[in-house]
């Protein structure tokens, strides 16, 4: 093998090592960029989720307050109706008791 061929092979090997090192460096840089991009995407998703949860909690609190007011109103209406029926029956009950006491 001639000296020129050996020199050409050595140059080709050196160039291959250089290309391999550059490719490895580029791969590491791409991996680091992907990891950073992933971290940023996760942080953005977390912030969005927190915002949505906060909004849903506010809506559910408002709904719970509205339901509580409606339930209290309904309960008051039922209580008033029961009281009216009880008052109407009170006179009959008192008359019945008096009749039983008197007639013994």
PDB file of N, CA and C in Angstrom:
ATOM      1  N   UNK A   1       0.854  -1.169   0.000  1.00  0.00           N
ATOM      2  CA  UNK A   1       0.000   0.000   0.000  1.00  0.00           C
ATOM      3  C   UNK A   1       0.898   1.228   0.000  1.00  0.00           C
ATOM      4  N   UNK A   2       0.519   2.194  -0.809  1.00  0.00           N
ATOM      5  CA  UNK A   2       1.361   3.372  -0.936  1.00  0.00           C
ATOM      6  C   UNK A   2       1.095   4.340   0.203  1.00  0.00           C
ATOM      7  N   UNK A   3       2.052   5.206   0.367  1.00  0.00           N
ATOM      8  CA  UNK A   3       1.950   6.228   1.426  1.00  0.00           C
ATOM      9  C   UNK A   3       0.736   7.122   1.206  1.00  0.00           C
ATOM     10  N   UNK A   4       0.442   7.439  -0.015  1.00  0.00           N
ATOM     11  CA  UNK A   4      -0.705   8.298  -0.326  1.00  0.00           C
ATOM     12  C   UNK A   4      -2.010   7.589   0.052  1.00  0.00           C
ATOM     13  N   UNK A   5      -2.098   6.303  -0.165  1.00  0.00           N
ATOM     14  CA  UNK A   5      -3.305   5.549   0.177  1.00  0.00           C
ATOM     15  C   UNK A   5      -3.482   5.514   1.689  1.00  0.00           C
ATOM     16  N   UNK A   6      -2.391   5.295   2.410  1.00  0.00           N
ATOM     17  CA  UNK A   6      -2.456   5.274   3.872  1.00  0.00           C
ATOM     18  C   UNK A   6      -2.883   6.649   4.396  1.00  0.00           C
ATOM     19  N   UNK A   7      -2.333   7.685   3.821  1.00  0.00           N
ATOM     20  CA  UNK A   7      -2.687   9.042   4.228  1.00  0.00           C
ATOM     21  C   UNK A   7      -4.154   9.316   3.932  1.00  0.00           C
ATOM     22  N   UNK A   8      -4.646   8.859   2.798  1.00  0.00           N
ATOM     23  CA  UNK A   8      -6.043   9.063   2.423  1.00  0.00           C
ATOM     24  C   UNK A   8      -6.956   8.312   3.396  1.00  0.00           C
ATOM     25  N   UNK A   9      -6.559   7.098   3.763  1.00  0.00           N
ATOM     26  CA  UNK A   9      -7.358   6.311   4.714  1.00  0.00           C
ATOM     27  C   UNK A   9      -7.384   7.001   6.071  1.00  0.00           C
ATOM     28  N   UNK A  10      -6.234   7.480   6.528  1.00  0.00           N
ATOM     29  CA  UNK A  10      -6.166   8.171   7.815  1.00  0.00           C
ATOM     30  C   UNK A  10      -7.028   9.426   7.802  1.00  0.00           C
ATOM     31  N   UNK A  11      -6.983  10.143   6.698  1.00  0.00           N
ATOM     32  CA  UNK A  11      -7.820  11.342   6.587  1.00  0.00           C
ATOM     33  C   UNK A  11      -9.307  10.973   6.601  1.00  0.00           C
ATOM     34  N   UNK A  12      -9.670   9.922   5.916  1.00  0.00           N
ATOM     35  CA  UNK A  12     -11.063   9.477   5.882  1.00  0.00           C
ATOM     36  C   UNK A  12     -11.503   9.036   7.277  1.00  0.00           C
ATOM     37  N   UNK A  13     -10.622   8.313   7.990  1.00  0.00           N
ATOM     38  CA  UNK A  13     -10.960   7.893   9.353  1.00  0.00           C
ATOM     39  C   UNK A  13     -11.112   9.098  10.282  1.00  0.00           C
ATOM     40  N   UNK A  14     -10.221  10.076  10.136  1.00  0.00           N
ATOM     41  CA  UNK A  14     -10.298  11.281  10.957  1.00  0.00           C
ATOM     42  C   UNK A  14     -11.595  12.041  10.652  1.00  0.00           C
ATOM     43  N   UNK A  15     -11.918  12.118   9.378  1.00  0.00           N
ATOM     44  CA  UNK A  15     -13.144  12.805   8.983  1.00  0.00           C
ATOM     45  C   UNK A  15     -14.367  12.053   9.522  1.00  0.00           C
ATOM     46  N   UNK A  16     -14.333  10.730   9.494  1.00  0.00           N
ATOM     47  CA  UNK A  16     -15.436   9.925  10.020  1.00  0.00           C
ATOM     48  C   UNK A  16     -15.574  10.148  11.525  1.00  0.00           C
ATOM     49  N   UNK A  17     -14.432  10.185  12.248  1.00  0.00           N
ATOM     50  CA  UNK A  17     -14.485  10.450  13.685  1.00  0.00           C
ATOM     51  C   UNK A  17     -15.065  11.837  13.956  1.00  0.00           C
ATOM     52  N   UNK A  18     -14.679  12.815  13.153  1.00  0.00           N
ATOM     53  CA  UNK A  18     -15.179  14.185  13.299  1.00  0.00           C
ATOM     54  C   UNK A  18     -16.690  14.230  13.060  1.00  0.00           C
ATOM     55  N   UNK A  19     -17.142  13.578  11.995  1.00  0.00           N
ATOM     56  CA  UNK A  19     -18.571  13.539  11.672  1.00  0.00           C
ATOM     57  C   UNK A  19     -19.356  12.832  12.781  1.00  0.00           C
ATOM     58  N   UNK A  20     -18.766  11.749  13.299  1.00  0.00           N
ATOM     59  CA  UNK A  20     -19.418  11.001  14.373  1.00  0.00           C
ATOM     60  C   UNK A  20     -19.524  11.881  15.621  1.00  0.00           C
ATOM     61  N   UNK A  21     -18.472  12.609  15.957  1.00  0.00           N
ATOM     62  CA  UNK A  21     -18.492  13.493  17.125  1.00  0.00           C
ATOM     63  C   UNK A  21     -19.506  14.615  16.936  1.00  0.00           C
ATOM     64  N   UNK A  22     -19.564  15.175  15.733  1.00  0.00           N
ATOM     65  CA  UNK A  22     -20.536  16.237  15.450  1.00  0.00           C
ATOM     66  C   UNK A  22     -21.966  15.701  15.544  1.00  0.00           C
ATOM     67  N   UNK A  23     -22.197  14.493  15.019  1.00  0.00           N
ATOM     68  CA  UNK A  23     -23.526  13.893  15.074  1.00  0.00           C
ATOM     69  C   UNK A  23     -23.927  13.613  16.523  1.00  0.00           C
ATOM     70  N   UNK A  24     -22.978  13.135  17.326  1.00  0.00           N
ATOM     71  CA  UNK A  24     -23.258  12.870  18.729  1.00  0.00           C
ATOM     72  C   UNK A  24     -23.577  14.170  19.469  1.00  0.00           C
ATOM     73  N   UNK A  25     -22.824  15.218  19.193  1.00  0.00           N
ATOM     74  CA  UNK A  25     -23.079  16.514  19.821  1.00  0.00           C
ATOM     75  C   UNK A  25     -24.444  17.058  19.405  1.00  0.00           C
ATOM     76  N   UNK A  26     -24.776  16.899  18.133  1.00  0.00           N
ATOM     77  CA  UNK A  26     -26.076  17.371  17.649  1.00  0.00           C
ATOM     78  C   UNK A  26     -27.205  16.564  18.293  1.00  0.00           C
ATOM     79  N   UNK A  27     -26.994  15.265  18.447  1.00  0.00           N
ATOM     80  CA  UNK A  27     -28.016  14.422  19.076  1.00  0.00           C
ATOM     81  C   UNK A  27     -28.210  14.822  20.538  1.00  0.00           C
ATOM     82  N   UNK A  28     -27.107  15.077  21.239  1.00  0.00           N
ATOM     83  CA  UNK A  28     -27.214  15.506  22.637  1.00  0.00           C
ATOM     84  C   UNK A  28     -27.912  16.853  22.748  1.00  0.00           C
ATOM     85  N   UNK A  29     -27.621  17.765  21.842  1.00  0.00           N
ATOM     86  CA  UNK A  29     -28.273  19.079  21.857  1.00  0.00           C
ATOM     87  C   UNK A  29     -29.766  18.930  21.561  1.00  0.00           C
ATOM     88  N   UNK A  30     -30.106  18.076  20.601  1.00  0.00           N
ATOM     89  CA  UNK A  30     -31.515  17.851  20.272  1.00  0.00           C
ATOM     90  C   UNK A  30     -32.239  17.209  21.455  1.00  0.00           C
ATOM     91  N   UNK A  31     -31.565  16.274  22.126  1.00  0.00           N
ATOM     92  CA  UNK A  31     -32.169  15.631  23.297  1.00  0.00           C
ATOM     93  C   UNK A  31     -32.398  16.660  24.408  1.00  0.00           C
ATOM     94  N   UNK A  32     -31.414  17.498  24.660  1.00  0.00           N
ATOM     95  CA  UNK A  32     -31.559  18.526  25.693  1.00  0.00           C
ATOM     96  C   UNK A  32     -32.688  19.490  25.349  1.00  0.00           C
ATOM     97  N   UNK A  33     -32.777  19.869  24.075  1.00  0.00           N
ATOM     98  CA  UNK A  33     -33.849  20.766  23.645  1.00  0.00           C
ATOM     99  C   UNK A  33     -35.211  20.096  23.815  1.00  0.00           C
ATOM    100  N   UNK A  34     -35.294  18.805  23.483  1.00  0.00           N
ATOM    101  CA  UNK A  34     -36.561  18.073  23.626  1.00  0.00           C
ATOM    102  C   UNK A  34     -36.951  17.957  25.099  1.00  0.00           C
ATOM    103  N   UNK A  35     -35.969  17.700  25.955  1.00  0.00           N
ATOM    104  CA  UNK A  35     -36.247  17.607  27.390  1.00  0.00           C
ATOM    105  C   UNK A  35     -36.745  18.950  27.907  1.00  0.00           C
ATOM    106  N   UNK A  36     -36.101  20.020  27.513  1.00  0.00           N
ATOM    107  CA  UNK A  36     -36.522  21.356  27.954  1.00  0.00           C
ATOM    108  C   UNK A  36     -37.906  21.694  27.420  1.00  0.00           C
ATOM    109  N   UNK A  37     -38.149  21.350  26.168  1.00  0.00           N
ATOM    110  CA  UNK A  37     -39.467  21.590  25.576  1.00  0.00           C
ATOM    111  C   UNK A  37     -40.540  20.779  26.316  1.00  0.00           C
ATOM    112  N   UNK A  38     -40.206  19.557  26.682  1.00  0.00           N
ATOM    113  CA  UNK A  38     -41.127  18.723  27.444  1.00  0.00           C
ATOM    114  C   UNK A  38     -41.427  19.323  28.812  1.00  0.00           C
ATOM    115  N   UNK A  39     -40.385  19.837  29.473  1.00  0.00           N
ATOM    116  CA  UNK A  39     -40.585  20.480  30.776  1.00  0.00           C
ATOM    117  C   UNK A  39     -41.498  21.698  30.647  1.00  0.00           C
ATOM    118  N   UNK A  40     -41.277  22.485  29.607  1.00  0.00           N
ATOM    119  CA  UNK A  40     -42.110  23.666  29.396  1.00  0.00           C
ATOM    120  C   UNK A  40     -43.560  23.271  29.092  1.00  0.00           C
ATOM    121  N   UNK A  41     -43.734  22.219  28.311  1.00  0.00           N
ATOM    122  CA  UNK A  41     -45.087  21.748  27.989  1.00  0.00           C
ATOM    123  C   UNK A  41     -45.783  21.228  29.246  1.00  0.00           C
ATOM    124  N   UNK A  42     -45.052  20.514  30.081  1.00  0.00           N
ATOM    125  CA  UNK A  42     -45.630  20.003  31.338  1.00  0.00           C
ATOM    126  C   UNK A  42     -46.016  21.155  32.256  1.00  0.00           C
ATOM    127  N   UNK A  43     -45.174  22.161  32.342  1.00  0.00           N
ATOM    128  CA  UNK A  43     -45.466  23.325  33.192  1.00  0.00           C
ATOM    129  C   UNK A  43     -46.695  24.071  32.664  1.00  0.00           C
ATOM    130  N   UNK A  44     -46.783  24.227  31.357  1.00  0.00           N
ATOM    131  CA  UNK A  44     -47.946  24.896  30.766  1.00  0.00           C
ATOM    132  C   UNK A  44     -49.211  24.086  31.021  1.00  0.00           C
ATOM    133  N   UNK A  45     -49.128  22.769  30.899  1.00  0.00           N
ATOM    134  CA  UNK A  45     -50.288  21.913  31.153  1.00  0.00           C
ATOM    135  C   UNK A  45     -50.700  21.991  32.618  1.00  0.00           C
ATOM    136  N   UNK A  46     -49.719  22.041  33.522  1.00  0.00           N
ATOM    137  CA  UNK A  46     -50.016  22.139  34.945  1.00  0.00           C
ATOM    138  C   UNK A  46     -50.720  23.448  35.262  1.00  0.00           C
ATOM    139  N   UNK A  47     -50.213  24.539  34.694  1.00  0.00           N
ATOM    140  CA  UNK A  47     -50.833  25.844  34.932  1.00  0.00           C
ATOM    141  C   UNK A  47     -52.258  25.882  34.374  1.00  0.00           C
ATOM    142  N   UNK A  48     -52.447  25.302  33.187  1.00  0.00           N
ATOM    143  CA  UNK A  48     -53.779  25.267  32.589  1.00  0.00           C
ATOM    144  C   UNK A  48     -54.722  24.448  33.459  1.00  0.00           C
ATOM    145  N   UNK A  49     -54.247  23.310  33.941  1.00  0.00           N
ATOM    146  CA  UNK A  49     -55.074  22.458  34.795  1.00  0.00           C
ATOM    147  C   UNK A  49     -55.436  23.179  36.091  1.00  0.00           C
ATOM    148  N   UNK A  50     -54.474  23.868  36.689  1.00  0.00           N
ATOM    149  CA  UNK A  50     -54.753  24.626  37.912  1.00  0.00           C
ATOM    150  C   UNK A  50     -55.816  25.688  37.659  1.00  0.00           C
ATOM    151  N   UNK A  51     -55.693  26.364  36.531  1.00  0.00           N
ATOM    152  CA  UNK A  51     -56.655  27.400  36.179  1.00  0.00           C
ATOM    153  C   UNK A  51     -58.053  26.805  35.991  1.00  0.00           C
ATOM    154  N   UNK A  52     -58.127  25.668  35.291  1.00  0.00           N
ATOM    155  CA  UNK A  52     -59.415  25.025  35.065  1.00  0.00           C
ATOM    156  C   UNK A  52     -60.027  24.531  36.373  1.00  0.00           C
ATOM    157  N   UNK A  53     -59.193  23.979  37.245  1.00  0.00           N
ATOM    158  CA  UNK A  53     -59.696  23.501  38.541  1.00  0.00           C
ATOM    159  C   UNK A  53     -60.222  24.670  39.359  1.00  0.00           C
ATOM    160  N   UNK A  54     -59.492  25.778  39.344  1.00  0.00           N
ATOM    161  CA  UNK A  54     -59.923  26.965  40.085  1.00  0.00           C
ATOM    162  C   UNK A  54     -61.274  27.452  39.568  1.00  0.00           C
ATOM    163  N   UNK A  55     -61.411  27.482  38.246  1.00  0.00           N
ATOM    164  CA  UNK A  55     -62.668  27.926  37.635  1.00  0.00           C
ATOM    165  C   UNK A  55     -63.814  26.968  37.974  1.00  0.00           C
ATOM    166  N   UNK A  56     -63.540  25.664  37.901  1.00  0.00           N
ATOM    167  CA  UNK A  56     -64.575  24.673  38.223  1.00  0.00           C
ATOM    168  C   UNK A  56     -64.976  24.745  39.697  1.00  0.00           C
ATOM    169  N   UNK A  57     -64.008  24.991  40.576  1.00  0.00           N
ATOM    170  CA  UNK A  57     -64.334  25.130  41.999  1.00  0.00           C
ATOM    171  C   UNK A  57     -65.223  26.343  42.232  1.00  0.00           C
ATOM    172  N   UNK A  58     -64.904  27.441  41.570  1.00  0.00           N
ATOM    173  CA  UNK A  58     -65.720  28.646  41.723  1.00  0.00           C
ATOM    174  C   UNK A  58     -67.145  28.381  41.231  1.00  0.00           C
ATOM    175  N   UNK A  59     -67.260  27.720  40.087  1.00  0.00           N
ATOM    176  CA  UNK A  59     -68.590  27.407  39.549  1.00  0.00           C
ATOM    177  C   UNK A  59     -69.353  26.467  40.474  1.00  0.00           C
ATOM    178  N   UNK A  60     -68.656  25.454  41.007  1.00  0.00           N
ATOM    179  CA  UNK A  60     -69.345  24.511  41.896  1.00  0.00           C
ATOM    180  C   UNK A  60     -69.735  25.183  43.207  1.00  0.00           C
ATOM    181  N   UNK A  61     -68.914  26.110  43.700  1.00  0.00           N
ATOM    182  CA  UNK A  61     -69.278  26.855  44.915  1.00  0.00           C
ATOM    183  C   UNK A  61     -70.527  27.702  44.672  1.00  0.00           C
ATOM    184  N   UNK A  62     -70.562  28.377  43.528  1.00  0.00           N
ATOM    185  CA  UNK A  62     -71.741  29.185  43.196  1.00  0.00           C
ATOM    186  C   UNK A  62     -72.983  28.305  43.076  1.00  0.00           C
ATOM    187  N   UNK A  63     -72.840  27.167  42.413  1.00  0.00           N
ATOM    188  CA  UNK A  63     -73.972  26.250  42.248  1.00  0.00           C
ATOM    189  C   UNK A  63     -74.430  25.730  43.605  1.00  0.00           C
ATOM    190  N   UNK A  64     -73.484  25.411  44.475  1.00  0.00           N
ATOM    191  CA  UNK A  64     -73.844  24.909  45.802  1.00  0.00           C
ATOM    192  C   UNK A  64     -74.589  25.973  46.597  1.00  0.00           C
ATOM    193  N   UNK A  65     -74.150  27.219  46.480  1.00  0.00           N
ATOM    194  CA  UNK A  65     -74.843  28.308  47.178  1.00  0.00           C
ATOM    195  C   UNK A  65     -76.259  28.468  46.642  1.00  0.00           C
ATOM    196  N   UNK A  66     -76.419  28.423  45.326  1.00  0.00           N
ATOM    197  CA  UNK A  66     -77.749  28.545  44.726  1.00  0.00           C
ATOM    198  C   UNK A  66     -78.643  27.388  45.163  1.00  0.00           C
ATOM    199  N   UNK A  67     -78.087  26.175  45.168  1.00  0.00           N
ATOM    200  CA  UNK A  67     -78.868  25.014  45.596  1.00  0.00           C
ATOM    201  C   UNK A  67     -79.250  25.119  47.066  1.00  0.00           C
ATOM    202  N   UNK A  68     -78.343  25.623  47.898  1.00  0.00           N
ATOM    203  CA  UNK A  68     -78.637  25.770  49.319  1.00  0.00           C
ATOM    204  C   UNK A  68     -79.755  26.786  49.539  1.00  0.00           C
ATOM    205  N   UNK A  69     -79.719  27.887  48.790  1.00  0.00           N
ATOM    206  CA  UNK A  69     -80.778  28.898  48.907  1.00  0.00           C
ATOM    207  C   UNK A  69     -82.113  28.311  48.461  1.00  0.00           C
ATOM    208  N   UNK A  70     -82.102  27.583  47.354  1.00  0.00           N
ATOM    209  CA  UNK A  70     -83.337  26.967  46.851  1.00  0.00           C
ATOM    210  C   UNK A  70     -83.866  25.940  47.844  1.00  0.00           C
ATOM    211  N   UNK A  71     -82.982  25.149  48.412  1.00  0.00           N
ATOM    212  CA  UNK A  71     -83.395  24.142  49.385  1.00  0.00           C
ATOM    213  C   UNK A  71     -83.964  24.802  50.645  1.00  0.00           C
ATOM    214  N   UNK A  72     -83.318  25.870  51.109  1.00  0.00           N
ATOM    215  CA  UNK A  72     -83.817  26.576  52.290  1.00  0.00           C
ATOM    216  C   UNK A  72     -85.194  27.166  52.017  1.00  0.00           C
ATOM    217  N   UNK A  73     -85.387  27.726  50.844  1.00  0.00           N
ATOM    218  CA  UNK A  73     -86.680  28.295  50.482  1.00  0.00           C
ATOM    219  C   UNK A  73     -87.751  27.209  50.423  1.00  0.00           C
ATOM    220  N   UNK A  74     -87.406  26.096  49.800  1.00  0.00           N
ATOM    221  CA  UNK A  74     -88.345  24.986  49.705  1.00  0.00           C
ATOM    222  C   UNK A  74     -88.694  24.452  51.096  1.00  0.00           C
ATOM    223  N   UNK A  75     -87.703  24.361  51.957  1.00  0.00           N
ATOM    224  CA  UNK A  75     -87.925  23.887  53.322  1.00  0.00           C
ATOM    225  C   UNK A  75     -88.830  24.845  54.091  1.00  0.00           C
ATOM    226  N   UNK A  76     -88.601  26.117  53.928  1.00  0.00           N
ATOM    227  CA  UNK A  76     -89.460  27.110  54.596  1.00  0.00           C
ATOM    228  C   UNK A  76     -90.901  27.000  54.099  1.00  0.00           C
ATOM    229  N   UNK A  77     -91.084  26.805  52.810  1.00  0.00           N
ATOM    230  CA  UNK A  77     -92.431  26.644  52.249  1.00  0.00           C
ATOM    231  C   UNK A  77     -93.118  25.406  52.831  1.00  0.00           C
ATOM    232  N   UNK A  78     -92.368  24.293  52.894  1.00  0.00           N
ATOM    233  CA  UNK A  78     -92.942  23.068  53.455  1.00  0.00           C
ATOM    234  C   UNK A  78     -93.269  23.240  54.934  1.00  0.00           C
ATOM    235  N   UNK A  79     -92.381  23.937  55.642  1.00  0.00           N
ATOM    236  CA  UNK A  79     -92.609  24.175  57.063  1.00  0.00           C
ATOM    237  C   UNK A  79     -93.864  25.022  57.278  1.00  0.00           C
ATOM    238  N   UNK A  80     -94.041  26.048  56.469  1.00  0.00           N
ATOM    239  CA  UNK A  80     -95.220  26.912  56.588  1.00  0.00           C
ATOM    240  C   UNK A  80     -96.495  26.120  56.268  1.00  0.00           C
ATOM    241  N   UNK A  81     -96.436  25.270  55.277  1.00  0.00           N
ATOM    242  CA  UNK A  81     -97.606  24.463  54.922  1.00  0.00           C
ATOM    243  C   UNK A  81     -97.950  23.492  56.050  1.00  0.00           C
ATOM    244  N   UNK A  82     -96.934  22.857  56.626  1.00  0.00           N
ATOM    245  CA  UNK A  82     -97.167  21.932  57.739  1.00  0.00           C
ATOM    246  C   UNK A  82     -97.734  22.665  58.954  1.00  0.00           C
ATOM    247  N   UNK A  83     -97.205  23.848  59.212  1.00  0.00           N
ATOM    248  CA  UNK A  83     -97.695  24.642  60.340  1.00  0.00           C
ATOM    249  C   UNK A  83     -99.160  25.034  60.118  1.00  0.00           C
ATOM    250  N   UNK A  84     -99.507  25.404  58.887  1.00  0.00           N
ATOM    251  CA  UNK A  84    -100.888  25.783  58.583  1.00  0.00           C
ATOM    252  C   UNK A  84    -101.814  24.581  58.782  1.00  0.00           C
ATOM    253  N   UNK A  85    -101.390  23.402  58.314  1.00  0.00           N
ATOM    254  CA  UNK A  85    -102.214  22.198  58.529  1.00  0.00           C
ATOM    255  C   UNK A  85    -102.328  21.876  60.007  1.00  0.00           C
ATOM    256  N   UNK A  86    -101.229  22.028  60.743  1.00  0.00           N
ATOM    257  CA  UNK A  86    -101.263  21.739  62.181  1.00  0.00           C
ATOM    258  C   UNK A  86    -102.182  22.720  62.902  1.00  0.00           C
ATOM    259  N   UNK A  87    -102.112  24.002  62.529  1.00  0.00           N
ATOM    260  CA  UNK A  87    -102.987  24.996  63.154  1.00  0.00           C
ATOM    261  C   UNK A  87    -104.445  24.694  62.856  1.00  0.00           C
ATOM    262  N   UNK A  88    -104.724  24.256  61.627  1.00  0.00           N
ATOM    263  CA  UNK A  88    -106.100  23.934  61.256  1.00  0.00           C
ATOM    264  C   UNK A  88    -106.597  22.725  62.038  1.00  0.00           C
ATOM    265  N   UNK A  89    -105.757  21.784  62.312  1.00  0.00           N
ATOM    266  CA  UNK A  89    -106.151  20.583  63.044  1.00  0.00           C
ATOM    267  C   UNK A  89    -106.172  20.817  64.559  1.00  0.00           C
ATOM    268  N   UNK A  90    -105.497  21.861  65.010  1.00  0.00           N
ATOM    269  CA  UNK A  90    -105.410  22.142  66.437  1.00  0.00           C
ATOM    270  C   UNK A  90    -106.798  22.371  67.034  1.00  0.00           C
ATOM    271  N   UNK A  91    -107.611  23.132  66.341  1.00  0.00           N
ATOM    272  CA  UNK A  91    -108.955  23.412  66.848  1.00  0.00           C
ATOM    273  C   UNK A  91    -109.764  22.124  66.963  1.00  0.00           C
ATOM    274  N   UNK A  92    -109.682  21.262  65.974  1.00  0.00           N
ATOM    275  CA  UNK A  92    -110.404  19.999  66.021  1.00  0.00           C
ATOM    276  C   UNK A  92    -109.899  19.132  67.166  1.00  0.00           C
ATOM    277  N   UNK A  93    -108.575  19.097  67.353  1.00  0.00           N
ATOM    278  CA  UNK A  93    -107.994  18.283  68.421  1.00  0.00           C
ATOM    279  C   UNK A  93    -108.416  18.813  69.785  1.00  0.00           C
ATOM    280  N   UNK A  94    -108.394  20.126  69.951  1.00  0.00           N
ATOM    281  CA  UNK A  94    -108.803  20.711  71.231  1.00  0.00           C
ATOM    282  C   UNK A  94    -110.267  20.411  71.508  1.00  0.00           C
ATOM    283  N   UNK A  95    -111.096  20.509  70.505  1.00  0.00           N
ATOM    284  CA  UNK A  95    -112.524  20.220  70.683  1.00  0.00           C
ATOM    285  C   UNK A  95    -112.732  18.760  71.045  1.00  0.00           C
ATOM    286  N   UNK A  96    -111.980  17.877  70.420  1.00  0.00           N
ATOM    287  CA  UNK A  96    -112.084  16.455  70.710  1.00  0.00           C
ATOM    288  C   UNK A  96    -111.664  16.161  72.147  1.00  0.00           C
ATOM    289  N   UNK A  97    -110.581  16.786  72.581  1.00  0.00           N
ATOM    290  CA  UNK A  97    -110.098  16.574  73.958  1.00  0.00           C
ATOM    291  C   UNK A  97    -111.124  17.085  74.967  1.00  0.00           C
ATOM    292  N   UNK A  98    -111.654  18.267  74.715  1.00  0.00           N
ATOM    293  CA  UNK A  98    -112.656  18.834  75.626  1.00  0.00           C
ATOM    294  C   UNK A  98    -113.869  17.927  75.683  1.00  0.00           C
ATOM    295  N   UNK A  99    -114.289  17.423  74.524  1.00  0.00           N
ATOM    296  CA  UNK A  99    -115.452  16.529  74.478  1.00  0.00           C
ATOM    297  C   UNK A  99    -115.217  15.255  75.284  1.00  0.00           C
ATOM    298  N   UNK A 100    -114.031  14.681  75.190  1.00  0.00           N
ATOM    299  CA  UNK A 100    -113.718  13.460  75.907  1.00  0.00           C
ATOM    300  C   UNK A 100    -113.636  13.718  77.413  1.00  0.00           C
ATOM    301  N   UNK A 101    -113.081  14.876  77.762  1.00  0.00           N
ATOM    302  CA  UNK A 101    -112.983  15.201  79.190  1.00  0.00           C
ATOM    303  C   UNK A 101    -114.380  15.429  79.773  1.00  0.00           C
ATOM    304  N   UNK A 102    -115.186  16.166  79.047  1.00  0.00           N
ATOM    305  CA  UNK A 102    -116.530  16.496  79.529  1.00  0.00           C
ATOM    306  C   UNK A 102    -117.415  15.244  79.559  1.00  0.00           C
ATOM    307  N   UNK A 103    -117.357  14.457  78.504  1.00  0.00           N
ATOM    308  CA  UNK A 103    -118.222  13.275  78.398  1.00  0.00           C
ATOM    309  C   UNK A 103    -117.622  12.057  79.090  1.00  0.00           C
ATOM    310  N   UNK A 104    -116.388  12.145  79.413  1.00  0.00           N
ATOM    311  CA  UNK A 104    -115.663  11.221  80.156  1.00  0.00           C
ATOM    312  C   UNK A 104    -115.650   9.831  79.919  1.00  0.00           C
TER     313      UNK A 104
END
